Amino acid sequence: MKDYQLRALLRVVETGSIRAAARALQLSQPAVTKAIRELEAEVDAPLVLRSSRGVELTESGRQLAMRARLAQEQLALARQDIRQLQGGKQALVAAAVTPVIFMGVLPDVIREFRRTLPYAQLKFYEGLMPAVLPLLREGFIDFAVAGAMEGALDADLELDPIAPIEMMVACRPGHPLAKATRWEDIVDAEWIVHRAPGSHHTVLFDRLRRDGLPVPERTIETNSFGVSWGLVTRSDLLLILPVEFLSIEPYASQVVRVPLEMGLPALTLGILKLRAAPLSLAAGKLATLFRRYAR
């Protein structure tokens, strides 16, 4: 597979048509069509379906496009590393950070990072697991500082552990269930959940089923901390949170811990990345700072 063929495929995906891809690449339509056909011949599979509405990817095309995007990202990181080694200032790092991090040590990490790379471009995303996984797999972020269950992650992911995270069931002050002690007392409440492979809710609910305990049936799924916080503090929904929230103001005064006698599985805070994708020099430095400050 040639680089120009992969770039042609990715432009077709981004623009939705051969004509628009050719315009973006400053090539003729026959040249783009030829590159796609050469790529299909190379992998011995159809990649693009053409119709009057434009083009659609086959399943083979979707798989190749995902890998091609990651490959292009890695080549871009290599260029960044070379520029950095030569004294350049064009480094770009994108990361997702879990709420405990962006409400805690993130400013300290950025301040320290700026001492050595003052002109690097930084981009941060919210780091709840349902949002993190597609960002990692599609190459939009270099890594995530996230809380996950190590044994529950997919094989293409790796977690470099930093510290355990104790979890709690939280609610607003004055909630009717604020003093509940048994799981059976709260399971029928309405819950906010963050579902994804390796997320706390997914692992906890699986464990409850194995132990023969009831699982919440009234749930609202979200991948946004802002939505979750607004619901738990302004309604009777319940949410599982890290215990650290009780020591972070002004959030500590907005929720209380439900004193369950049943323990919850602990998460592991760590650097989460694709197993086969090495970090750039700048991203590696930022990840090292997160490890140091989060510990």
Foldseek 3Di string as FASTA:
>chain_A
DDLVLLLLLLLCVVPQALCRSCVVVVHDSVVSVVSQVVVCVVVVHHAWDQDPRHIDGDPVNVVSNLVSLLVVLLVVLVVVQVCVVVVHQEAEAEEEEEPVCVLPCVVVLVVVLCVVRVRYHYHYHHDFVVVPVVCQSSVVHAWYQDWFAQVQDDPQKHWDFQFKFFKFKKAFPPAPQQAPAEPVVPLAAEAEDEDDGGHQLVVQQVVCVVVVHDHRDRYDYDRDPVVRLVDRQPHNYMYMDTPCLCVRPPSVNRMHGHNYPDGGDIITGGIMHGPPRDGRPSNVSSRVSCSVVVD
